[in-house]
Amino acid sequence: MTKLVMLLTVVLLLGGCFLGNLKEGPNISEEMISRIKPGETTKKEIIDWFGPPQNYISPGVFNQILRELDVTKEPPLYYSFANILSYQFTQGKVRGIFLLVFNYAEADLRTDHLVVFIDDNDRVEYYGFKKGTAELR
């Protein structure tokens, strides 16, 4: 009987659970988005307001070339192909339980996306914004 109690105690001590919150990327301010005016707002203003753009799609050929040539230190304002600026902010909750025989984990992640298209005159041509974090429970 003592061995069974010790075994159950060990099994209970090996198990555990976790809870966590996740925030990744710069917070995209809706106040700043309301200041974007197509045809008027410049690329420099967008970069000043939101910081360097991010990719929310897998890195492409240009990103690989930039990493290999180590030219990413230059501000993105000067890249001739940087006519699409994308930003994302991800927020979520993570929880799980780990037992000796059974494991379970769950994540509820939501993302805000801002994509800004720049014309040949370095002005905003149009933009799109989706607020996904408002749906977070």
N, C-alpha and C. Protein backbone atom coordinates (compact mmCIF):
# COMPACT_ATOMS: atom_id res chain seq x y z
N MET A 1 0.83 -1.20 0.00
CA MET A 1 0.00 0.00 0.00
C MET A 1 0.87 1.26 0.00
N THR A 2 1.96 1.25 0.73
CA THR A 2 2.87 2.39 0.81
C THR A 2 3.48 2.69 -0.55
N LYS A 3 3.82 1.64 -1.31
CA LYS A 3 4.39 1.84 -2.64
C LYS A 3 3.38 2.49 -3.57
N LEU A 4 2.11 2.12 -3.45
CA LEU A 4 1.06 2.71 -4.29
C LEU A 4 0.88 4.19 -3.97
N VAL A 5 0.90 4.55 -2.69
CA VAL A 5 0.77 5.95 -2.28
C VAL A 5 1.97 6.75 -2.79
N MET A 6 3.17 6.18 -2.68
CA MET A 6 4.36 6.86 -3.16
C MET A 6 4.30 7.05 -4.69
N LEU A 7 3.83 6.04 -5.41
CA LEU A 7 3.71 6.12 -6.86
C LEU A 7 2.71 7.20 -7.26
N LEU A 8 1.57 7.25 -6.60
CA LEU A 8 0.57 8.29 -6.88
C LEU A 8 1.12 9.68 -6.56
N THR A 9 1.88 9.79 -5.49
CA THR A 9 2.48 11.08 -5.12
C THR A 9 3.47 11.54 -6.19
N VAL A 10 4.31 10.62 -6.66
CA VAL A 10 5.27 10.95 -7.71
C VAL A 10 4.55 11.37 -8.99
N VAL A 11 3.50 10.64 -9.36
CA VAL A 11 2.73 10.97 -10.57
C VAL A 11 2.12 12.37 -10.45
N LEU A 12 1.58 12.69 -9.29
CA LEU A 12 0.98 14.01 -9.09
C LEU A 12 2.04 15.11 -9.10
N LEU A 13 3.22 14.83 -8.57
CA LEU A 13 4.28 15.84 -8.55
C LEU A 13 4.89 16.06 -9.93
N LEU A 14 4.86 15.06 -10.79
CA LEU A 14 5.41 15.20 -12.13
C LEU A 14 4.48 15.99 -13.05
N GLY A 15 3.24 16.04 -12.72
CA GLY A 15 2.27 16.78 -13.53
C GLY A 15 2.34 18.26 -13.24
N GLY A 16 1.77 19.04 -14.13
CA GLY A 16 1.75 20.49 -13.91
C GLY A 16 0.87 21.17 -14.92
N CYS A 17 0.66 22.43 -14.70
CA CYS A 17 -0.12 23.21 -15.65
C CYS A 17 0.56 24.56 -15.83
N PHE A 18 0.16 25.25 -16.88
CA PHE A 18 0.72 26.58 -17.10
C PHE A 18 -0.33 27.48 -17.73
N LEU A 19 -0.20 28.76 -17.45
CA LEU A 19 -1.03 29.81 -18.02
C LEU A 19 -0.08 30.92 -18.47
N GLY A 20 -0.39 31.56 -19.57
CA GLY A 20 0.48 32.63 -20.01
C GLY A 20 -0.21 33.58 -20.96
N ASN A 21 0.34 34.76 -21.07
CA ASN A 21 -0.12 35.77 -22.02
C ASN A 21 1.01 36.05 -22.99
N LEU A 22 0.67 36.30 -24.23
CA LEU A 22 1.65 36.56 -25.26
C LEU A 22 1.35 37.89 -25.93
N LYS A 23 2.38 38.70 -26.11
CA LYS A 23 2.28 39.94 -26.88
C LYS A 23 3.53 40.01 -27.74
N GLU A 24 3.33 40.20 -29.05
CA GLU A 24 4.47 40.27 -29.95
C GLU A 24 4.24 41.35 -30.99
N GLY A 25 5.26 42.15 -31.21
CA GLY A 25 5.20 43.21 -32.20
C GLY A 25 4.75 44.52 -31.59
N PRO A 26 4.88 45.58 -32.37
CA PRO A 26 4.47 46.90 -31.87
C PRO A 26 2.95 47.03 -31.85
N ASN A 27 2.44 47.67 -30.82
CA ASN A 27 1.01 47.92 -30.75
C ASN A 27 0.62 48.90 -31.85
N ILE A 28 -0.36 48.56 -32.66
CA ILE A 28 -0.78 49.41 -33.77
C ILE A 28 -1.91 50.31 -33.28
N SER A 29 -1.60 51.57 -33.12
CA SER A 29 -2.54 52.54 -32.58
C SER A 29 -3.59 52.94 -33.62
N GLU A 30 -4.85 52.76 -33.25
CA GLU A 30 -5.94 53.17 -34.15
C GLU A 30 -5.97 54.68 -34.31
N GLU A 31 -5.50 55.40 -33.31
CA GLU A 31 -5.42 56.86 -33.41
C GLU A 31 -4.45 57.26 -34.53
N MET A 32 -3.31 56.57 -34.60
CA MET A 32 -2.33 56.88 -35.65
C MET A 32 -2.86 56.45 -37.02
N ILE A 33 -3.60 55.37 -37.08
CA ILE A 33 -4.16 54.92 -38.36
C ILE A 33 -5.13 55.96 -38.90
N SER A 34 -5.87 56.61 -38.01
CA SER A 34 -6.82 57.63 -38.47
C SER A 34 -6.11 58.84 -39.08
N ARG A 35 -4.81 58.99 -38.80
CA ARG A 35 -4.04 60.11 -39.37
C ARG A 35 -3.54 59.81 -40.79
N ILE A 36 -3.63 58.56 -41.23
CA ILE A 36 -3.15 58.20 -42.57
C ILE A 36 -4.13 58.74 -43.60
N LYS A 37 -3.63 59.55 -44.52
CA LYS A 37 -4.44 60.14 -45.59
C LYS A 37 -3.83 59.76 -46.94
N PRO A 38 -4.51 58.90 -47.72
CA PRO A 38 -3.97 58.54 -49.04
C PRO A 38 -3.70 59.79 -49.89
N GLY A 39 -2.55 59.77 -50.55
CA GLY A 39 -2.14 60.90 -51.38
C GLY A 39 -1.42 62.00 -50.62
N GLU A 40 -1.52 62.02 -49.30
CA GLU A 40 -0.88 63.06 -48.49
C GLU A 40 0.22 62.50 -47.58
N THR A 41 -0.09 61.44 -46.85
CA THR A 41 0.86 60.87 -45.89
C THR A 41 2.04 60.26 -46.63
N THR A 42 3.25 60.55 -46.14
CA THR A 42 4.46 60.05 -46.81
C THR A 42 4.92 58.74 -46.17
N LYS A 43 5.79 58.04 -46.91
CA LYS A 43 6.39 56.81 -46.41
C LYS A 43 7.18 57.09 -45.13
N LYS A 44 7.89 58.20 -45.11
CA LYS A 44 8.68 58.56 -43.93
C LYS A 44 7.78 58.74 -42.71
N GLU A 45 6.62 59.38 -42.88
CA GLU A 45 5.70 59.55 -41.76
C GLU A 45 5.21 58.20 -41.24
N ILE A 46 4.88 57.29 -42.14
CA ILE A 46 4.42 55.96 -41.73
C ILE A 46 5.50 55.27 -40.90
N ILE A 47 6.74 55.33 -41.37
CA ILE A 47 7.85 54.69 -40.65
C ILE A 47 8.10 55.40 -39.31
N ASP A 48 7.96 56.71 -39.27
CA ASP A 48 8.11 57.44 -38.01
C ASP A 48 7.02 57.04 -37.01
N TRP A 49 5.78 56.87 -37.48
CA TRP A 49 4.65 56.56 -36.61
C TRP A 49 4.66 55.12 -36.13
N PHE A 50 4.97 54.17 -37.02
CA PHE A 50 4.82 52.75 -36.70
C PHE A 50 6.14 52.00 -36.58
N GLY A 51 7.25 52.64 -36.92
CA GLY A 51 8.54 51.98 -36.84
C GLY A 51 8.85 51.23 -38.12
N PRO A 52 9.94 50.46 -38.12
CA PRO A 52 10.30 49.68 -39.31
C PRO A 52 9.21 48.67 -39.63
N PRO A 53 8.90 48.47 -40.90
CA PRO A 53 7.85 47.51 -41.26
C PRO A 53 8.27 46.08 -40.93
N GLN A 54 7.25 45.22 -40.76
CA GLN A 54 7.46 43.81 -40.48
C GLN A 54 6.83 43.00 -41.61
N ASN A 55 7.20 41.73 -41.69
CA ASN A 55 6.53 40.81 -42.61
C ASN A 55 5.63 39.90 -41.80
N TYR A 56 4.41 39.71 -42.25
CA TYR A 56 3.57 38.72 -41.59
C TYR A 56 3.37 37.52 -42.49
N ILE A 57 4.10 37.50 -43.60
CA ILE A 57 4.15 36.36 -44.50
C ILE A 57 5.58 35.83 -44.42
N SER A 58 5.79 34.59 -44.78
CA SER A 58 7.15 34.01 -44.73
C SER A 58 8.13 34.92 -45.44
N PRO A 59 9.35 35.06 -44.91
CA PRO A 59 10.34 35.94 -45.53
C PRO A 59 10.57 35.56 -46.99
N GLY A 60 10.64 36.56 -47.84
CA GLY A 60 10.83 36.34 -49.27
C GLY A 60 12.28 36.44 -49.69
N VAL A 61 12.48 36.46 -50.97
CA VAL A 61 13.82 36.50 -51.54
C VAL A 61 14.55 37.77 -51.10
N PHE A 62 13.87 38.91 -51.10
CA PHE A 62 14.53 40.16 -50.73
C PHE A 62 15.04 40.11 -49.29
N ASN A 63 14.23 39.59 -48.38
CA ASN A 63 14.67 39.51 -46.99
C ASN A 63 15.89 38.61 -46.85
N GLN A 64 15.90 37.51 -47.59
CA GLN A 64 17.05 36.60 -47.54
C GLN A 64 18.30 37.30 -48.07
N ILE A 65 18.16 38.02 -49.18
CA ILE A 65 19.30 38.74 -49.75
C ILE A 65 19.80 39.79 -48.76
N LEU A 66 18.89 40.54 -48.15
CA LEU A 66 19.28 41.57 -47.20
C LEU A 66 20.03 40.98 -46.01
N ARG A 67 19.58 39.83 -45.51
CA ARG A 67 20.26 39.19 -44.39
C ARG A 67 21.66 38.73 -44.79
N GLU A 68 21.76 38.13 -45.96
CA GLU A 68 23.05 37.61 -46.40
C GLU A 68 24.05 38.72 -46.71
N LEU A 69 23.57 39.83 -47.24
CA LEU A 69 24.46 40.95 -47.56
C LEU A 69 24.66 41.89 -46.38
N ASP A 70 23.91 41.65 -45.29
CA ASP A 70 23.99 42.47 -44.08
C ASP A 70 23.76 43.94 -44.39
N VAL A 71 22.71 44.23 -45.17
CA VAL A 71 22.38 45.62 -45.48
C VAL A 71 21.12 46.07 -44.75
N THR A 72 20.64 45.26 -43.82
CA THR A 72 19.41 45.61 -43.10
C THR A 72 19.61 46.75 -42.11
N LYS A 73 20.84 47.23 -41.95
CA LYS A 73 21.08 48.35 -41.05
C LYS A 73 20.60 49.67 -41.65
N GLU A 74 20.46 49.70 -42.96
CA GLU A 74 20.00 50.90 -43.65
C GLU A 74 18.50 51.05 -43.41
N PRO A 75 18.00 52.27 -43.21
CA PRO A 75 16.56 52.45 -43.01
C PRO A 75 15.77 51.94 -44.21
N PRO A 76 14.60 51.31 -43.98
CA PRO A 76 13.81 50.76 -45.08
C PRO A 76 13.29 51.84 -46.03
N LEU A 77 13.41 53.07 -45.65
CA LEU A 77 12.98 54.19 -46.48
C LEU A 77 13.70 54.20 -47.83
N TYR A 78 14.92 53.67 -47.88
CA TYR A 78 15.75 53.78 -49.07
C TYR A 78 15.72 52.55 -49.96
N TYR A 79 15.00 51.50 -49.59
CA TYR A 79 14.94 50.32 -50.45
C TYR A 79 14.01 50.61 -51.62
N SER A 80 14.50 50.41 -52.82
CA SER A 80 13.70 50.75 -54.00
C SER A 80 12.47 49.85 -54.14
N PHE A 81 12.50 48.65 -53.57
CA PHE A 81 11.38 47.72 -53.70
C PHE A 81 10.46 47.75 -52.48
N ALA A 82 10.69 48.65 -51.56
CA ALA A 82 9.90 48.68 -50.33
C ALA A 82 8.66 49.56 -50.50
N ASN A 83 7.78 49.17 -51.42
CA ASN A 83 6.58 49.97 -51.64
C ASN A 83 5.36 49.40 -50.92
N ILE A 84 5.55 48.32 -50.18
CA ILE A 84 4.48 47.76 -49.36
C ILE A 84 5.04 47.62 -47.94
N LEU A 85 4.46 48.35 -47.02
CA LEU A 85 4.89 48.30 -45.62
C LEU A 85 3.84 47.53 -44.83
N SER A 86 4.25 46.49 -44.11
CA SER A 86 3.29 45.70 -43.35
C SER A 86 3.70 45.63 -41.88
N TYR A 87 2.69 45.68 -41.02
CA TYR A 87 2.89 45.66 -39.57
C TYR A 87 1.91 44.67 -38.96
N GLN A 88 2.33 44.05 -37.86
CA GLN A 88 1.40 43.18 -37.15
C GLN A 88 1.67 43.21 -35.66
N PHE A 89 0.62 43.06 -34.90
CA PHE A 89 0.67 42.96 -33.45
C PHE A 89 -0.14 41.74 -33.06
N THR A 90 0.50 40.80 -32.36
CA THR A 90 -0.16 39.56 -31.95
C THR A 90 -0.29 39.54 -30.44
N GLN A 91 -1.47 39.13 -30.00
CA GLN A 91 -1.75 39.05 -28.57
C GLN A 91 -2.53 37.76 -28.34
N GLY A 92 -2.29 37.10 -27.22
CA GLY A 92 -3.03 35.87 -26.98
C GLY A 92 -2.84 35.31 -25.58
N LYS A 93 -3.57 34.22 -25.35
CA LYS A 93 -3.52 33.50 -24.09
C LYS A 93 -3.14 32.06 -24.39
N VAL A 94 -2.29 31.50 -23.52
CA VAL A 94 -1.83 30.13 -23.67
C VAL A 94 -2.06 29.42 -22.35
N ARG A 95 -2.54 28.18 -22.43
CA ARG A 95 -2.73 27.39 -21.21
C ARG A 95 -2.56 25.91 -21.55
N GLY A 96 -2.20 25.15 -20.55
CA GLY A 96 -2.01 23.72 -20.77
C GLY A 96 -1.84 22.96 -19.48
N ILE A 97 -1.87 21.64 -19.63
CA ILE A 97 -1.67 20.75 -18.50
C ILE A 97 -0.77 19.60 -18.96
N PHE A 98 0.15 19.24 -18.10
CA PHE A 98 1.07 18.14 -18.40
C PHE A 98 0.96 17.11 -17.29
N LEU A 99 0.59 15.91 -17.66
CA LEU A 99 0.54 14.80 -16.72
C LEU A 99 1.47 13.71 -17.24
N LEU A 100 1.65 12.71 -16.47
CA LEU A 100 2.56 11.64 -16.86
C LEU A 100 2.09 10.93 -18.14
N VAL A 101 0.79 10.75 -18.28
CA VAL A 101 0.25 10.00 -19.41
C VAL A 101 -0.46 10.89 -20.43
N PHE A 102 -0.90 12.05 -20.02
CA PHE A 102 -1.73 12.90 -20.87
C PHE A 102 -1.20 14.33 -20.86
N ASN A 103 -1.10 14.94 -22.03
CA ASN A 103 -0.68 16.34 -22.15
C ASN A 103 -1.70 17.09 -23.00
N TYR A 104 -1.94 18.34 -22.64
CA TYR A 104 -2.90 19.16 -23.39
C TYR A 104 -2.42 20.61 -23.34
N ALA A 105 -2.44 21.26 -24.50
CA ALA A 105 -2.09 22.68 -24.57
C ALA A 105 -3.05 23.38 -25.52
N GLU A 106 -3.33 24.63 -25.23
CA GLU A 106 -4.27 25.41 -26.04
C GLU A 106 -3.78 26.85 -26.12
N ALA A 107 -3.88 27.44 -27.29
CA ALA A 107 -3.49 28.84 -27.47
C ALA A 107 -4.59 29.57 -28.23
N ASP A 108 -4.91 30.75 -27.79
CA ASP A 108 -5.88 31.62 -28.46
C ASP A 108 -5.12 32.89 -28.83
N LEU A 109 -4.66 32.97 -30.09
CA LEU A 109 -3.87 34.10 -30.56
C LEU A 109 -4.66 34.91 -31.56
N ARG A 110 -4.58 36.22 -31.45
CA ARG A 110 -5.25 37.15 -32.37
C ARG A 110 -4.25 38.18 -32.84
N THR A 111 -4.44 38.67 -34.06
CA THR A 111 -3.46 39.58 -34.65
C THR A 111 -4.14 40.77 -35.29
N ASP A 112 -3.54 41.96 -35.07
CA ASP A 112 -3.91 43.17 -35.80
C ASP A 112 -2.95 43.28 -36.99
N HIS A 113 -3.48 43.59 -38.17
CA HIS A 113 -2.65 43.74 -39.37
C HIS A 113 -2.86 45.12 -39.97
N LEU A 114 -1.76 45.75 -40.34
CA LEU A 114 -1.79 47.01 -41.09
C LEU A 114 -0.88 46.84 -42.30
N VAL A 115 -1.42 47.07 -43.49
CA VAL A 115 -0.64 47.01 -44.73
C VAL A 115 -0.81 48.34 -45.43
N VAL A 116 0.32 48.99 -45.77
CA VAL A 116 0.31 50.30 -46.41
C VAL A 116 1.01 50.19 -47.76
N PHE A 117 0.33 50.60 -48.82
CA PHE A 117 0.89 50.59 -50.16
C PHE A 117 1.34 52.00 -50.51
N ILE A 118 2.60 52.12 -50.95
CA ILE A 118 3.23 53.40 -51.24
C ILE A 118 3.33 53.57 -52.75
N ASP A 119 3.01 54.77 -53.27
CA ASP A 119 3.11 55.03 -54.71
C ASP A 119 4.53 55.45 -55.09
N ASP A 120 4.72 55.79 -56.36
CA ASP A 120 6.05 56.17 -56.86
C ASP A 120 6.57 57.49 -56.29
N ASN A 121 5.68 58.30 -55.71
CA ASN A 121 6.07 59.58 -55.11
C ASN A 121 6.29 59.46 -53.61
N ASP A 122 6.43 58.24 -53.10
CA ASP A 122 6.61 57.97 -51.67
C ASP A 122 5.47 58.50 -50.81
N ARG A 123 4.27 58.41 -51.34
CA ARG A 123 3.07 58.78 -50.59
C ARG A 123 2.16 57.56 -50.50
N VAL A 124 1.31 57.53 -49.47
CA VAL A 124 0.40 56.41 -49.30
C VAL A 124 -0.59 56.39 -50.46
N GLU A 125 -0.65 55.25 -51.15
CA GLU A 125 -1.63 55.08 -52.21
C GLU A 125 -2.94 54.59 -51.61
N TYR A 126 -2.86 53.53 -50.81
CA TYR A 126 -3.99 53.06 -50.02
C TYR A 126 -3.46 52.16 -48.91
N TYR A 127 -4.32 51.80 -47.97
CA TYR A 127 -3.91 50.98 -46.84
C TYR A 127 -5.08 50.14 -46.37
N GLY A 128 -4.76 49.11 -45.63
CA GLY A 128 -5.79 48.26 -45.04
C GLY A 128 -5.42 47.92 -43.60
N PHE A 129 -6.44 47.84 -42.75
CA PHE A 129 -6.22 47.52 -41.34
C PHE A 129 -7.30 46.57 -40.88
N LYS A 130 -6.89 45.52 -40.17
CA LYS A 130 -7.83 44.58 -39.56
C LYS A 130 -7.47 44.43 -38.09
N LYS A 131 -8.42 44.74 -37.23
CA LYS A 131 -8.22 44.63 -35.78
C LYS A 131 -8.71 43.26 -35.33
N GLY A 132 -7.79 42.34 -35.18
CA GLY A 132 -8.14 41.00 -34.75
C GLY A 132 -8.12 40.82 -33.25
N THR A 133 -7.35 41.65 -32.53
CA THR A 133 -7.22 41.48 -31.08
C THR A 133 -8.48 41.88 -30.34
N ALA A 134 -9.38 42.62 -30.98
CA ALA A 134 -10.64 42.98 -30.32
C ALA A 134 -11.50 41.75 -30.09
N GLU A 135 -11.26 40.68 -30.85
CA GLU A 135 -12.04 39.45 -30.73
C GLU A 135 -11.51 38.54 -29.63
N LEU A 136 -10.40 38.91 -28.98
CA LEU A 136 -9.79 38.06 -27.97
C LEU A 136 -10.69 37.98 -26.74
N ARG A 137 -10.99 36.76 -26.31
CA ARG A 137 -11.85 36.57 -25.14
C ARG A 137 -11.04 36.66 -23.88
